[in-house]
Amino acid sequence: MSKQAILIYCIIFLLAPQCFAERLATLSKNSFNEHFSSVVPVSGNVLVGAVYSSTSTNNKFFLDTTNGISDFCFKVSSINGTYISENDYKLIESTPDKSNRVYIEYPTKFEKIITAFNINQLAPLATTGSCDDQRYQHVLLSSRAVNVDDSQVLFMISSGRSEVFMQLKSATGKRIKAKCERLEEGKRTSYDTICEVPASTMSEDTYNIKIARRKNGRSLPATTFTLQKSINETHD
């Protein structure tokens, strides 16, 4: 899709959200894979979501990434396990000198259901590469709003009924300790813990993250991954 086509699209639809992002992520396949049911199989992954906090509760998603990313896997899981989606995406409309905010095409059939989940109840997770090969995860941050000023970065975690500790380490050696809190209310099938870090403290573009868990005095296997984010964002 050319820049001229996107401009025409925006005018027709009265400044749709993709107009506020300089880049667009489209589905790699023709079909959109999502499921809503009272019983949904859970992946068992420790990290379920990574998202900027916001007051927005709509069915629109954005990605914070650098221009080096071309393909990514995007999963969305509700905390109660009733909704899940998993799709491969490709990025177009790269504009290196402007915003790194990407609008994610998300043609859901369950708009009202997704909108009803608040920021703590819906876990988006973007990882580089294909959904079929996630052995080496590089996590990207997503959001449900264009403007993420003064926000927190939330990590949704399936603890396995354990105590969770999380630490970020930058390439320069700076360490940030996340504040982790167990969720106590409602059905918590997909995840039960949220760790948060003020976005303002994450001033570098790459962090090595370690999630440690302790249950009944015994340490469980740690989960490690690399977080990639842009550091030259612009906000509308």
Protein backbone atom coordinates (compact mmCIF):
# COMPACT_ATOMS: atom_id res chain seq x y z
CA MET A 1 0.00 0.00 0.00
CA SER A 2 1.50 3.34 -1.05
CA LYS A 3 1.58 6.50 1.07
CA GLN A 4 -0.94 8.05 -1.32
CA ALA A 5 -3.29 5.09 -0.81
CA ILE A 6 -3.04 5.40 2.97
CA LEU A 7 -3.77 9.13 2.74
CA ILE A 8 -6.89 8.48 0.69
CA TYR A 9 -7.91 5.76 3.14
CA CYS A 10 -7.57 8.19 6.04
CA ILE A 11 -9.64 10.88 4.35
CA ILE A 12 -12.40 8.43 3.51
CA PHE A 13 -12.59 7.04 7.01
CA LEU A 14 -12.13 10.35 8.81
CA LEU A 15 -8.67 9.97 10.21
CA ALA A 16 -8.67 6.29 11.09
CA PRO A 17 -6.04 5.13 13.65
CA GLN A 18 -3.58 4.03 10.98
CA CYS A 19 -3.26 7.69 9.96
CA PHE A 20 -1.57 8.44 13.26
CA ALA A 21 1.02 5.70 12.75
CA GLU A 22 3.65 6.16 10.10
CA ARG A 23 3.78 2.44 9.33
CA LEU A 24 1.28 -0.34 8.83
CA ALA A 25 1.43 -4.05 9.75
CA THR A 26 -0.66 -6.33 7.54
CA LEU A 27 -1.52 -10.00 7.86
CA SER A 28 0.93 -12.37 6.21
CA LYS A 29 -1.90 -14.76 5.33
CA ASN A 30 -5.37 -14.16 3.93
CA SER A 31 -7.12 -15.61 6.99
CA PHE A 32 -7.28 -14.12 10.49
CA ASN A 33 -6.85 -16.68 13.26
CA GLU A 34 -8.88 -15.97 16.42
CA HIS A 35 -11.08 -17.97 18.76
CA PHE A 36 -13.69 -17.18 21.40
CA SER A 37 -15.01 -19.91 23.66
CA SER A 38 -15.74 -20.66 27.30
CA VAL A 39 -12.96 -23.26 27.15
CA VAL A 40 -9.71 -22.25 25.45
CA PRO A 41 -6.44 -24.21 25.60
CA VAL A 42 -3.66 -22.25 27.30
CA SER A 43 -0.17 -22.27 25.81
CA GLY A 44 1.65 -22.68 29.12
CA ASN A 45 4.10 -19.86 28.36
CA VAL A 46 5.33 -17.82 31.32
CA LEU A 47 5.28 -14.50 29.42
CA VAL A 48 1.79 -13.91 27.99
CA GLY A 49 1.80 -10.18 27.22
CA ALA A 50 3.93 -7.03 26.97
CA VAL A 51 2.04 -3.76 26.52
CA TYR A 52 2.06 -0.05 27.34
CA SER A 53 -0.62 0.89 29.84
CA SER A 54 -3.40 3.19 28.69
CA THR A 55 -7.01 4.06 29.43
CA SER A 56 -8.05 2.92 25.96
CA THR A 57 -10.19 -0.23 25.80
CA ASN A 58 -10.87 -0.67 22.11
CA ASN A 59 -10.04 -3.38 19.58
CA LYS A 60 -7.15 -1.48 17.98
CA PHE A 61 -3.49 -2.32 18.50
CA PHE A 62 -0.22 -0.53 17.79
CA LEU A 63 3.39 -1.70 17.81
CA ASP A 64 6.48 0.11 19.05
CA THR A 65 9.40 -1.08 16.94
CA THR A 66 12.49 -0.06 15.04
CA ASN A 67 12.91 -0.08 11.28
CA GLY A 68 14.97 -3.27 11.37
CA ILE A 69 11.87 -5.38 12.02
CA SER A 70 10.01 -6.74 8.99
CA ASP A 71 8.00 -9.70 10.31
CA PHE A 72 6.48 -10.54 13.67
CA CYS A 73 4.04 -12.83 15.42
CA PHE A 74 1.18 -11.17 17.29
CA LYS A 75 -0.84 -13.02 19.93
CA VAL A 76 -3.68 -11.68 22.05
CA SER A 77 -5.04 -13.52 25.09
CA SER A 78 -7.75 -12.56 27.54
CA ILE A 79 -7.02 -13.15 31.21
CA ASN A 80 -10.00 -15.48 31.60
CA GLY A 81 -8.97 -17.63 28.65
CA THR A 82 -12.11 -17.02 26.59
CA TYR A 83 -10.41 -15.12 23.74
CA ILE A 84 -7.18 -15.85 21.92
CA SER A 85 -5.68 -14.92 18.56
CA GLU A 86 -2.38 -15.74 16.86
CA ASN A 87 -1.29 -14.31 13.51
CA ASP A 88 1.83 -13.58 11.48
CA TYR A 89 2.37 -10.02 10.24
CA LYS A 90 4.61 -8.12 7.86
CA LEU A 91 5.46 -4.41 8.05
CA ILE A 92 5.07 -1.91 5.24
CA GLU A 93 5.32 1.89 4.93
CA SER A 94 8.68 2.33 6.62
CA THR A 95 9.47 5.97 7.40
CA PRO A 96 12.82 5.98 9.24
CA ASP A 97 12.81 9.69 10.02
CA LYS A 98 9.40 9.75 11.67
CA SER A 99 7.39 7.77 14.20
CA ASN A 100 8.15 4.13 14.96
CA ARG A 101 4.55 3.53 15.97
CA VAL A 102 2.94 0.86 13.78
CA TYR A 103 -0.77 0.32 13.28
CA ILE A 104 -1.61 -3.41 13.39
CA GLU A 105 -4.35 -4.59 11.06
CA TYR A 106 -6.75 -6.52 13.31
CA PRO A 107 -10.01 -7.59 11.56
CA THR A 108 -11.64 -9.22 14.58
CA LYS A 109 -15.19 -10.55 14.60
CA PHE A 110 -15.39 -9.91 18.34
CA GLU A 111 -14.98 -6.14 18.56
CA LYS A 112 -17.40 -5.63 21.47
CA ILE A 113 -15.90 -8.51 23.45
CA ILE A 114 -12.33 -7.23 23.05
CA THR A 115 -13.34 -3.66 23.86
CA ALA A 116 -14.88 -4.85 27.14
CA PHE A 117 -11.50 -6.08 28.43
CA ASN A 118 -9.56 -3.35 30.24
CA ILE A 119 -5.80 -2.91 29.92
CA ASN A 120 -5.08 -5.47 32.67
CA GLN A 121 -7.44 -8.09 31.23
CA LEU A 122 -6.05 -8.42 27.69
CA ALA A 123 -2.49 -9.51 26.96
CA PRO A 124 -0.99 -8.65 23.55
CA LEU A 125 2.37 -10.26 22.82
CA ALA A 126 4.49 -9.40 19.76
CA THR A 127 7.62 -11.39 18.99
CA THR A 128 9.96 -11.18 16.01
CA GLY A 129 9.78 -13.85 13.34
CA SER A 130 7.05 -16.39 12.63
CA CYS A 131 4.48 -17.78 15.06
CA ASP A 132 5.67 -21.26 14.00
CA ASP A 133 9.20 -20.65 15.28
CA GLN A 134 9.45 -18.87 18.61
CA ARG A 135 12.53 -20.60 20.01
CA TYR A 136 14.51 -17.34 20.11
CA GLN A 137 12.06 -14.76 21.28
CA HIS A 138 12.71 -11.08 20.82
CA VAL A 139 9.75 -9.31 22.35
CA LEU A 140 8.32 -6.04 21.00
CA LEU A 141 6.06 -3.67 22.92
CA SER A 142 2.49 -3.12 21.78
CA SER A 143 -0.24 -0.72 22.91
CA ARG A 144 -3.97 -0.16 22.59
CA ALA A 145 -3.58 3.59 22.04
CA VAL A 146 -1.42 5.91 19.92
CA ASN A 147 -0.34 8.09 22.82
CA VAL A 148 1.58 6.26 25.54
CA ASP A 149 3.06 9.26 27.34
CA ASP A 150 3.46 8.81 31.11
CA SER A 151 2.57 5.14 30.84
CA GLN A 152 3.78 1.96 32.48
CA VAL A 153 5.08 -1.06 30.60
CA LEU A 154 3.06 -4.07 31.71
CA PHE A 155 4.24 -7.68 31.48
CA MET A 156 1.48 -10.28 31.86
CA ILE A 157 2.85 -13.46 33.40
CA SER A 158 1.51 -16.95 34.09
CA SER A 159 3.18 -17.69 37.41
CA GLY A 160 2.04 -21.26 38.03
CA ARG A 161 0.94 -20.09 41.49
CA SER A 162 4.45 -18.96 42.32
CA GLU A 163 6.05 -15.73 43.53
CA VAL A 164 7.41 -13.72 40.60
CA PHE A 165 10.51 -11.51 40.36
CA MET A 166 11.54 -9.65 37.23
CA GLN A 167 14.65 -7.68 36.28
CA LEU A 168 15.68 -5.77 33.15
CA LYS A 169 19.31 -5.23 32.17
CA SER A 170 20.35 -2.87 29.38
CA ALA A 171 23.37 -3.21 27.08
CA THR A 172 25.16 -0.58 29.18
CA GLY A 173 24.60 -2.58 32.36
CA LYS A 174 21.74 -0.52 33.79
CA ARG A 175 19.41 -2.69 35.87
CA ILE A 176 15.71 -2.04 36.47
CA LYS A 177 13.65 -4.03 38.94
CA ALA A 178 10.02 -4.48 38.01
CA LYS A 179 7.15 -4.27 40.47
CA CYS A 180 5.23 -7.55 40.30
CA GLU A 181 1.75 -8.03 41.72
CA ARG A 182 -0.46 -11.09 41.83
CA LEU A 183 -3.99 -10.57 40.52
CA GLU A 184 -6.61 -11.86 42.94
CA GLU A 185 -9.99 -11.16 41.36
CA GLY A 186 -11.88 -12.95 38.59
CA LYS A 187 -10.96 -15.96 36.48
CA ARG A 188 -7.23 -16.01 35.73
CA THR A 189 -6.70 -18.79 33.21
CA SER A 190 -4.11 -17.23 30.87
CA TYR A 191 -2.08 -15.24 33.40
CA ASP A 192 -2.28 -14.28 37.06
CA THR A 193 0.52 -11.76 37.62
CA ILE A 194 1.42 -8.35 36.18
CA CYS A 195 4.90 -6.86 36.47
CA GLU A 196 5.22 -3.17 35.66
CA VAL A 197 8.02 -0.74 34.88
CA PRO A 198 7.64 3.02 34.29
CA ALA A 199 8.18 3.58 30.57
CA SER A 200 10.19 6.70 31.38
CA THR A 201 12.93 4.58 33.00
CA MET A 202 13.44 2.47 29.89
CA SER A 203 15.62 4.88 27.92
CA GLU A 204 17.53 2.30 25.85
CA ASP A 205 16.38 0.25 22.87
CA THR A 206 17.37 -3.24 24.04
CA TYR A 207 16.97 -4.99 27.38
CA ASN A 208 17.74 -8.52 28.52
CA ILE A 209 14.91 -9.59 30.81
CA LYS A 210 14.82 -12.37 33.37
CA ILE A 211 11.65 -13.63 35.04
CA ALA A 212 12.37 -15.67 38.15
CA ARG A 213 9.74 -17.66 40.03
CA ARG A 214 9.75 -19.22 43.46
CA LYS A 215 7.22 -21.75 44.73
CA ASN A 216 7.18 -23.42 48.14
CA GLY A 217 10.74 -22.25 48.76
CA ARG A 218 11.98 -23.79 45.49
CA SER A 219 13.18 -21.86 42.45
CA LEU A 220 11.50 -22.70 39.16
CA PRO A 221 13.32 -22.48 35.80
CA ALA A 222 13.88 -18.84 34.85
CA THR A 223 12.43 -17.31 31.70
CA THR A 224 14.71 -15.01 29.72
CA PHE A 225 14.15 -12.96 26.58
CA THR A 226 15.28 -9.79 24.81
CA LEU A 227 13.02 -6.76 24.68
CA GLN A 228 13.44 -4.44 21.69
CA LYS A 229 11.88 -1.00 21.65
CA SER A 230 12.33 2.31 19.88
CA ILE A 231 13.88 5.23 21.74
CA ASN A 232 13.00 7.99 19.27
CA GLU A 233 9.23 7.83 19.49
CA THR A 234 6.90 10.64 18.58
CA HIS A 235 3.46 10.96 20.10
CA ASP A 236 0.34 12.49 18.68
